[in-house]
């Protein structure tokens, strides 16, 4: 059972990381997130990205919040997986 929980947590964090990367890449082509895929990615990631954006100072139009979120997700994943091991 612990192995399956370990694997599930790992997959969830990896999927969330891919969703954040997907949103960042899609924002170059669909900045308003008007497509259905863009809307889903926005709805999943915005609750996590908005607080980070509020904490970061303005960077001249460059949004570093996805990078910060990915780093935080990786730290959190490693912490949780160590607790499960």
PDB file of N, CA and C in Angstrom:
ATOM      1  N   UNK A   1       0.807  -1.210   0.000  1.00  0.00           N
ATOM      2  CA  UNK A   1       0.000   0.000   0.000  1.00  0.00           C
ATOM      3  C   UNK A   1       0.851   1.276   0.000  1.00  0.00           C
ATOM      4  N   UNK A   2       1.908   1.353   0.819  1.00  0.00           N
ATOM      5  CA  UNK A   2       2.699   2.580   0.795  1.00  0.00           C
ATOM      6  C   UNK A   2       3.324   2.863  -0.575  1.00  0.00           C
ATOM      7  N   UNK A   3       3.696   1.803  -1.299  1.00  0.00           N
ATOM      8  CA  UNK A   3       4.272   2.021  -2.627  1.00  0.00           C
ATOM      9  C   UNK A   3       3.265   2.654  -3.575  1.00  0.00           C
ATOM     10  N   UNK A   4       2.013   2.221  -3.490  1.00  0.00           N
ATOM     11  CA  UNK A   4       0.997   2.791  -4.374  1.00  0.00           C
ATOM     12  C   UNK A   4       0.695   4.241  -3.997  1.00  0.00           C
ATOM     13  N   UNK A   5       0.700   4.557  -2.704  1.00  0.00           N
ATOM     14  CA  UNK A   5       0.497   5.942  -2.272  1.00  0.00           C
ATOM     15  C   UNK A   5       1.669   6.815  -2.708  1.00  0.00           C
ATOM     16  N   UNK A   6       2.868   6.282  -2.570  1.00  0.00           N
ATOM     17  CA  UNK A   6       4.082   6.975  -3.018  1.00  0.00           C
ATOM     18  C   UNK A   6       3.996   7.285  -4.511  1.00  0.00           C
ATOM     19  N   UNK A   7       3.594   6.293  -5.287  1.00  0.00           N
ATOM     20  CA  UNK A   7       3.466   6.465  -6.730  1.00  0.00           C
ATOM     21  C   UNK A   7       2.369   7.458  -7.077  1.00  0.00           C
ATOM     22  N   UNK A   8       1.241   7.387  -6.394  1.00  0.00           N
ATOM     23  CA  UNK A   8       0.137   8.309  -6.644  1.00  0.00           C
ATOM     24  C   UNK A   8       0.546   9.751  -6.371  1.00  0.00           C
ATOM     25  N   UNK A   9       1.191   9.990  -5.245  1.00  0.00           N
ATOM     26  CA  UNK A   9       1.643  11.348  -4.905  1.00  0.00           C
ATOM     27  C   UNK A   9       2.639  11.840  -5.947  1.00  0.00           C
ATOM     28  N   UNK A  10       3.545  10.973  -6.335  1.00  0.00           N
ATOM     29  CA  UNK A  10       4.534  11.341  -7.347  1.00  0.00           C
ATOM     30  C   UNK A  10       3.866  11.715  -8.670  1.00  0.00           C
ATOM     31  N   UNK A  11       2.902  10.904  -9.102  1.00  0.00           N
ATOM     32  CA  UNK A  11       2.188  11.189 -10.352  1.00  0.00           C
ATOM     33  C   UNK A  11       1.393  12.496 -10.264  1.00  0.00           C
ATOM     34  N   UNK A  12       0.754  12.730  -9.131  1.00  0.00           N
ATOM     35  CA  UNK A  12      -0.038  13.952  -8.978  1.00  0.00           C
ATOM     36  C   UNK A  12       0.834  15.202  -9.070  1.00  0.00           C
ATOM     37  N   UNK A  13       1.966  15.186  -8.391  1.00  0.00           N
ATOM     38  CA  UNK A  13       2.846  16.351  -8.438  1.00  0.00           C
ATOM     39  C   UNK A  13       3.461  16.529  -9.828  1.00  0.00           C
ATOM     40  N   UNK A  14       3.815  15.427 -10.476  1.00  0.00           N
ATOM     41  CA  UNK A  14       4.361  15.528 -11.833  1.00  0.00           C
ATOM     42  C   UNK A  14       3.307  16.050 -12.809  1.00  0.00           C
ATOM     43  N   UNK A  15       2.074  15.600 -12.660  1.00  0.00           N
ATOM     44  CA  UNK A  15       0.995  16.085 -13.526  1.00  0.00           C
ATOM     45  C   UNK A  15       0.743  17.570 -13.296  1.00  0.00           C
ATOM     46  N   UNK A  16       0.746  17.984 -12.047  1.00  0.00           N
ATOM     47  CA  UNK A  16       0.535  19.400 -11.735  1.00  0.00           C
ATOM     48  C   UNK A  16       1.661  20.254 -12.302  1.00  0.00           C
ATOM     49  N   UNK A  17       2.873  19.766 -12.222  1.00  0.00           N
ATOM     50  CA  UNK A  17       4.011  20.485 -12.810  1.00  0.00           C
ATOM     51  C   UNK A  17       3.832  20.614 -14.318  1.00  0.00           C
ATOM     52  N   UNK A  18       3.394  19.558 -14.974  1.00  0.00           N
ATOM     53  CA  UNK A  18       3.167  19.611 -16.420  1.00  0.00           C
ATOM     54  C   UNK A  18       2.035  20.583 -16.776  1.00  0.00           C
ATOM     55  N   UNK A  19       1.017  20.651 -15.944  1.00  0.00           N
ATOM     56  CA  UNK A  19      -0.082  21.597 -16.183  1.00  0.00           C
ATOM     57  C   UNK A  19       0.429  23.031 -16.089  1.00  0.00           C
ATOM     58  N   UNK A  20       1.282  23.316 -15.112  1.00  0.00           N
ATOM     59  CA  UNK A  20       1.854  24.657 -14.969  1.00  0.00           C
ATOM     60  C   UNK A  20       2.724  24.991 -16.184  1.00  0.00           C
ATOM     61  N   UNK A  21       3.527  24.052 -16.623  1.00  0.00           N
ATOM     62  CA  UNK A  21       4.360  24.271 -17.813  1.00  0.00           C
ATOM     63  C   UNK A  21       3.480  24.471 -19.042  1.00  0.00           C
ATOM     64  N   UNK A  22       2.433  23.658 -19.171  1.00  0.00           N
ATOM     65  CA  UNK A  22       1.505  23.806 -20.294  1.00  0.00           C
ATOM     66  C   UNK A  22       0.853  25.178 -20.320  1.00  0.00           C
ATOM     67  N   UNK A  23       0.444  25.661 -19.147  1.00  0.00           N
ATOM     68  CA  UNK A  23      -0.172  26.993 -19.103  1.00  0.00           C
ATOM     69  C   UNK A  23       0.840  28.063 -19.498  1.00  0.00           C
ATOM     70  N   UNK A  24       2.058  27.947 -19.007  1.00  0.00           N
ATOM     71  CA  UNK A  24       3.078  28.941 -19.345  1.00  0.00           C
ATOM     72  C   UNK A  24       3.338  28.953 -20.853  1.00  0.00           C
ATOM     73  N   UNK A  25       3.427  27.789 -21.456  1.00  0.00           N
ATOM     74  CA  UNK A  25       3.667  27.722 -22.902  1.00  0.00           C
ATOM     75  C   UNK A  25       2.463  28.222 -23.697  1.00  0.00           C
ATOM     76  N   UNK A  26       1.276  27.838 -23.267  1.00  0.00           N
ATOM     77  CA  UNK A  26       0.073  28.264 -23.975  1.00  0.00           C
ATOM     78  C   UNK A  26      -0.140  29.775 -23.871  1.00  0.00           C
ATOM     79  N   UNK A  27       0.332  30.375 -22.799  1.00  0.00           N
ATOM     80  CA  UNK A  27       0.153  31.820 -22.635  1.00  0.00           C
ATOM     81  C   UNK A  27       0.878  32.612 -23.721  1.00  0.00           C
ATOM     82  N   UNK A  28       1.863  32.018 -24.360  1.00  0.00           N
ATOM     83  CA  UNK A  28       2.547  32.703 -25.462  1.00  0.00           C
ATOM     84  C   UNK A  28       1.652  32.769 -26.704  1.00  0.00           C
ATOM     85  N   UNK A  29       0.789  31.768 -26.887  1.00  0.00           N
ATOM     86  CA  UNK A  29      -0.036  31.687 -28.089  1.00  0.00           C
ATOM     87  C   UNK A  29      -1.476  32.125 -27.860  1.00  0.00           C
ATOM     88  N   UNK A  30      -1.941  32.012 -26.629  1.00  0.00           N
ATOM     89  CA  UNK A  30      -3.307  32.375 -26.281  1.00  0.00           C
ATOM     90  C   UNK A  30      -3.279  33.164 -24.967  1.00  0.00           C
ATOM     91  N   UNK A  31      -2.780  34.409 -25.023  1.00  0.00           N
ATOM     92  CA  UNK A  31      -2.584  35.166 -23.778  1.00  0.00           C
ATOM     93  C   UNK A  31      -3.873  35.386 -22.987  1.00  0.00           C
ATOM     94  N   UNK A  32      -5.004  35.458 -23.635  1.00  0.00           N
ATOM     95  CA  UNK A  32      -6.260  35.672 -22.938  1.00  0.00           C
ATOM     96  C   UNK A  32      -6.887  34.387 -22.424  1.00  0.00           C
ATOM     97  N   UNK A  33      -6.246  33.242 -22.705  1.00  0.00           N
ATOM     98  CA  UNK A  33      -6.756  31.929 -22.328  1.00  0.00           C
ATOM     99  C   UNK A  33      -8.220  31.772 -22.755  1.00  0.00           C
ATOM    100  N   UNK A  34      -8.488  32.073 -24.029  1.00  0.00           N
ATOM    101  CA  UNK A  34      -9.851  31.990 -24.558  1.00  0.00           C
ATOM    102  C   UNK A  34     -10.211  30.591 -25.053  1.00  0.00           C
ATOM    103  N   UNK A  35      -9.224  29.773 -25.341  1.00  0.00           N
ATOM    104  CA  UNK A  35      -9.528  28.414 -25.806  1.00  0.00           C
ATOM    105  C   UNK A  35      -9.998  27.557 -24.632  1.00  0.00           C
ATOM    106  N   UNK A  36     -10.643  26.456 -24.935  1.00  0.00           N
ATOM    107  CA  UNK A  36     -11.148  25.583 -23.869  1.00  0.00           C
ATOM    108  C   UNK A  36      -9.997  24.961 -23.077  1.00  0.00           C
ATOM    109  N   UNK A  37      -8.926  24.589 -23.758  1.00  0.00           N
ATOM    110  CA  UNK A  37      -7.761  24.031 -23.069  1.00  0.00           C
ATOM    111  C   UNK A  37      -7.135  25.100 -22.181  1.00  0.00           C
ATOM    112  N   UNK A  38      -6.997  26.300 -22.718  1.00  0.00           N
ATOM    113  CA  UNK A  38      -6.433  27.400 -21.941  1.00  0.00           C
ATOM    114  C   UNK A  38      -7.265  27.709 -20.714  1.00  0.00           C
ATOM    115  N   UNK A  39      -8.560  27.649 -20.861  1.00  0.00           N
ATOM    116  CA  UNK A  39      -9.467  27.934 -19.735  1.00  0.00           C
ATOM    117  C   UNK A  39      -9.310  26.889 -18.624  1.00  0.00           C
ATOM    118  N   UNK A  40      -9.200  25.614 -19.014  1.00  0.00           N
ATOM    119  CA  UNK A  40      -9.014  24.550 -18.020  1.00  0.00           C
ATOM    120  C   UNK A  40      -7.676  24.725 -17.298  1.00  0.00           C
ATOM    121  N   UNK A  41      -6.625  24.990 -18.070  1.00  0.00           N
ATOM    122  CA  UNK A  41      -5.312  25.192 -17.458  1.00  0.00           C
ATOM    123  C   UNK A  41      -5.329  26.402 -16.527  1.00  0.00           C
ATOM    124  N   UNK A  42      -6.017  27.458 -16.944  1.00  0.00           N
ATOM    125  CA  UNK A  42      -6.129  28.655 -16.117  1.00  0.00           C
ATOM    126  C   UNK A  42      -6.863  28.327 -14.816  1.00  0.00           C
ATOM    127  N   UNK A  43      -7.972  27.632 -14.917  1.00  0.00           N
ATOM    128  CA  UNK A  43      -8.772  27.309 -13.734  1.00  0.00           C
ATOM    129  C   UNK A  43      -8.010  26.428 -12.743  1.00  0.00           C
ATOM    130  N   UNK A  44      -7.157  25.558 -13.239  1.00  0.00           N
ATOM    131  CA  UNK A  44      -6.390  24.675 -12.358  1.00  0.00           C
ATOM    132  C   UNK A  44      -5.240  25.424 -11.690  1.00  0.00           C
ATOM    133  N   UNK A  45      -4.545  26.269 -12.443  1.00  0.00           N
ATOM    134  CA  UNK A  45      -3.308  26.855 -11.936  1.00  0.00           C
ATOM    135  C   UNK A  45      -3.459  28.230 -11.281  1.00  0.00           C
ATOM    136  N   UNK A  46      -4.460  28.982 -11.645  1.00  0.00           N
ATOM    137  CA  UNK A  46      -4.569  30.347 -11.141  1.00  0.00           C
ATOM    138  C   UNK A  46      -4.659  30.436  -9.613  1.00  0.00           C
ATOM    139  N   UNK A  47      -5.381  29.536  -8.931  1.00  0.00           N
ATOM    140  CA  UNK A  47      -5.401  29.630  -7.460  1.00  0.00           C
ATOM    141  C   UNK A  47      -4.021  29.476  -6.814  1.00  0.00           C
ATOM    142  N   UNK A  48      -3.099  28.820  -7.497  1.00  0.00           N
ATOM    143  CA  UNK A  48      -1.745  28.665  -6.950  1.00  0.00           C
ATOM    144  C   UNK A  48      -0.816  29.782  -7.407  1.00  0.00           C
ATOM    145  N   UNK A  49      -1.038  30.297  -8.622  1.00  0.00           N
ATOM    146  CA  UNK A  49      -0.153  31.315  -9.167  1.00  0.00           C
ATOM    147  C   UNK A  49      -0.463  32.720  -8.647  1.00  0.00           C
ATOM    148  N   UNK A  50      -1.719  33.024  -8.405  1.00  0.00           N
ATOM    149  CA  UNK A  50      -2.103  34.379  -7.996  1.00  0.00           C
ATOM    150  C   UNK A  50      -1.425  34.829  -6.699  1.00  0.00           C
ATOM    151  N   UNK A  51      -1.380  34.005  -5.656  1.00  0.00           N
ATOM    152  CA  UNK A  51      -0.692  34.462  -4.434  1.00  0.00           C
ATOM    153  C   UNK A  51       0.805  34.709  -4.640  1.00  0.00           C
ATOM    154  N   UNK A  52       1.417  33.895  -5.483  1.00  0.00           N
ATOM    155  CA  UNK A  52       2.844  34.084  -5.775  1.00  0.00           C
ATOM    156  C   UNK A  52       3.038  35.402  -6.520  1.00  0.00           C
ATOM    157  N   UNK A  53       2.167  35.673  -7.483  1.00  0.00           N
ATOM    158  CA  UNK A  53       2.240  36.923  -8.248  1.00  0.00           C
ATOM    159  C   UNK A  53       2.104  38.148  -7.353  1.00  0.00           C
ATOM    160  N   UNK A  54       1.230  38.055  -6.346  1.00  0.00           N
ATOM    161  CA  UNK A  54       1.041  39.184  -5.426  1.00  0.00           C
ATOM    162  C   UNK A  54       2.302  39.458  -4.618  1.00  0.00           C
ATOM    163  N   UNK A  55       3.078  38.414  -4.319  1.00  0.00           N
ATOM    164  CA  UNK A  55       4.291  38.574  -3.520  1.00  0.00           C
ATOM    165  C   UNK A  55       5.485  39.065  -4.335  1.00  0.00           C
ATOM    166  N   UNK A  56       5.501  38.754  -5.625  1.00  0.00           N
ATOM    167  CA  UNK A  56       6.637  39.140  -6.469  1.00  0.00           C
ATOM    168  C   UNK A  56       6.528  40.599  -6.899  1.00  0.00           C
ATOM    169  N   UNK A  57       7.655  41.291  -6.926  1.00  0.00           N
ATOM    170  CA  UNK A  57       7.624  42.657  -7.471  1.00  0.00           C
ATOM    171  C   UNK A  57       7.468  42.614  -8.988  1.00  0.00           C
ATOM    172  N   UNK A  58       7.067  43.726  -9.582  1.00  0.00           N
ATOM    173  CA  UNK A  58       6.933  43.801 -11.040  1.00  0.00           C
ATOM    174  C   UNK A  58       8.261  43.556 -11.726  1.00  0.00           C
ATOM    175  N   UNK A  59       8.241  42.735 -12.754  1.00  0.00           N
ATOM    176  CA  UNK A  59       9.476  42.367 -13.452  1.00  0.00           C
ATOM    177  C   UNK A  59       9.460  42.825 -14.905  1.00  0.00           C
ATOM    178  N   UNK A  60       8.775  43.881 -15.194  1.00  0.00           N
ATOM    179  CA  UNK A  60       8.788  44.401 -16.553  1.00  0.00           C
ATOM    180  C   UNK A  60       8.034  43.535 -17.535  1.00  0.00           C
ATOM    181  N   UNK A  61       6.925  42.968 -17.128  1.00  0.00           N
ATOM    182  CA  UNK A  61       6.110  42.177 -18.038  1.00  0.00           C
ATOM    183  C   UNK A  61       6.457  40.705 -18.092  1.00  0.00           C
ATOM    184  N   UNK A  62       7.468  40.277 -17.362  1.00  0.00           N
ATOM    185  CA  UNK A  62       7.844  38.861 -17.335  1.00  0.00           C
ATOM    186  C   UNK A  62       7.263  38.245 -16.066  1.00  0.00           C
ATOM    187  N   UNK A  63       6.539  37.156 -16.223  1.00  0.00           N
ATOM    188  CA  UNK A  63       5.890  36.492 -15.100  1.00  0.00           C
ATOM    189  C   UNK A  63       6.735  35.309 -14.648  1.00  0.00           C
ATOM    190  N   UNK A  64       7.355  35.438 -13.502  1.00  0.00           N
ATOM    191  CA  UNK A  64       8.188  34.369 -12.955  1.00  0.00           C
ATOM    192  C   UNK A  64       7.408  33.438 -12.021  1.00  0.00           C
ATOM    193  N   UNK A  65       6.117  33.698 -11.833  1.00  0.00           N
ATOM    194  CA  UNK A  65       5.350  32.882 -10.886  1.00  0.00           C
ATOM    195  C   UNK A  65       5.283  31.396 -11.267  1.00  0.00           C
ATOM    196  N   UNK A  66       5.196  31.023 -12.548  1.00  0.00           N
ATOM    197  CA  UNK A  66       5.206  29.578 -12.856  1.00  0.00           C
ATOM    198  C   UNK A  66       6.517  28.900 -12.444  1.00  0.00           C
ATOM    199  N   UNK A  67       7.631  29.592 -12.600  1.00  0.00           N
ATOM    200  CA  UNK A  67       8.921  29.019 -12.209  1.00  0.00           C
ATOM    201  C   UNK A  67       8.969  28.830 -10.700  1.00  0.00           C
ATOM    202  N   UNK A  68       8.525  29.844  -9.965  1.00  0.00           N
ATOM    203  CA  UNK A  68       8.501  29.769  -8.503  1.00  0.00           C
ATOM    204  C   UNK A  68       7.579  28.623  -8.068  1.00  0.00           C
ATOM    205  N   UNK A  69       6.400  28.511  -8.699  1.00  0.00           N
ATOM    206  CA  UNK A  69       5.459  27.455  -8.338  1.00  0.00           C
ATOM    207  C   UNK A  69       6.048  26.081  -8.615  1.00  0.00           C
ATOM    208  N   UNK A  70       6.716  25.906  -9.724  1.00  0.00           N
ATOM    209  CA  UNK A  70       7.328  24.604 -10.043  1.00  0.00           C
ATOM    210  C   UNK A  70       8.382  24.251  -9.000  1.00  0.00           C
ATOM    211  N   UNK A  71       9.191  25.209  -8.605  1.00  0.00           N
ATOM    212  CA  UNK A  71      10.202  24.959  -7.572  1.00  0.00           C
ATOM    213  C   UNK A  71       9.529  24.576  -6.257  1.00  0.00           C
ATOM    214  N   UNK A  72       8.477  25.309  -5.873  1.00  0.00           N
ATOM    215  CA  UNK A  72       7.749  24.992  -4.645  1.00  0.00           C
ATOM    216  C   UNK A  72       7.107  23.603  -4.714  1.00  0.00           C
ATOM    217  N   UNK A  73       6.542  23.273  -5.870  1.00  0.00           N
ATOM    218  CA  UNK A  73       5.939  21.946  -6.031  1.00  0.00           C
ATOM    219  C   UNK A  73       6.980  20.834  -5.883  1.00  0.00           C
ATOM    220  N   UNK A  74       8.162  21.063  -6.432  1.00  0.00           N
ATOM    221  CA  UNK A  74       9.218  20.058  -6.337  1.00  0.00           C
ATOM    222  C   UNK A  74       9.672  19.874  -4.894  1.00  0.00           C
ATOM    223  N   UNK A  75       9.830  20.986  -4.157  1.00  0.00           N
ATOM    224  CA  UNK A  75      10.200  20.879  -2.742  1.00  0.00           C
ATOM    225  C   UNK A  75       9.117  20.155  -1.950  1.00  0.00           C
ATOM    226  N   UNK A  76       7.871  20.525  -2.186  1.00  0.00           N
ATOM    227  CA  UNK A  76       6.761  19.893  -1.477  1.00  0.00           C
ATOM    228  C   UNK A  76       6.655  18.410  -1.814  1.00  0.00           C
ATOM    229  N   UNK A  77       6.854  18.073  -3.067  1.00  0.00           N
ATOM    230  CA  UNK A  77       6.817  16.675  -3.477  1.00  0.00           C
ATOM    231  C   UNK A  77       7.902  15.878  -2.753  1.00  0.00           C
ATOM    232  N   UNK A  78       9.112  16.409  -2.745  1.00  0.00           N
ATOM    233  CA  UNK A  78      10.206  15.695  -2.073  1.00  0.00           C
ATOM    234  C   UNK A  78       9.943  15.542  -0.578  1.00  0.00           C
ATOM    235  N   UNK A  79       9.392  16.578   0.054  1.00  0.00           N
ATOM    236  CA  UNK A  79       9.080  16.514   1.475  1.00  0.00           C
ATOM    237  C   UNK A  79       8.044  15.423   1.755  1.00  0.00           C
ATOM    238  N   UNK A  80       6.970  15.416   0.976  1.00  0.00           N
ATOM    239  CA  UNK A  80       5.907  14.436   1.191  1.00  0.00           C
ATOM    240  C   UNK A  80       6.408  13.022   0.904  1.00  0.00           C
ATOM    241  N   UNK A  81       7.164  12.862  -0.163  1.00  0.00           N
ATOM    242  CA  UNK A  81       7.661  11.527  -0.501  1.00  0.00           C
ATOM    243  C   UNK A  81       8.628  11.008   0.546  1.00  0.00           C
ATOM    244  N   UNK A  82       9.419  11.894   1.151  1.00  0.00           N
ATOM    245  CA  UNK A  82      10.314  11.447   2.232  1.00  0.00           C
ATOM    246  C   UNK A  82       9.513  10.989   3.442  1.00  0.00           C
ATOM    247  N   UNK A  83       8.399  11.664   3.690  1.00  0.00           N
ATOM    248  CA  UNK A  83       7.559  11.250   4.830  1.00  0.00           C
ATOM    249  C   UNK A  83       6.910   9.895   4.573  1.00  0.00           C
ATOM    250  N   UNK A  84       6.620   9.600   3.319  1.00  0.00           N
ATOM    251  CA  UNK A  84       5.984   8.323   2.977  1.00  0.00           C
ATOM    252  C   UNK A  84       6.962   7.161   2.910  1.00  0.00           C
ATOM    253  N   UNK A  85       8.231   7.472   2.699  1.00  0.00           N
ATOM    254  CA  UNK A  85       9.244   6.413   2.529  1.00  0.00           C
ATOM    255  C   UNK A  85       9.567   5.723   3.839  1.00  0.00           C
TER     256      UNK A  85
END
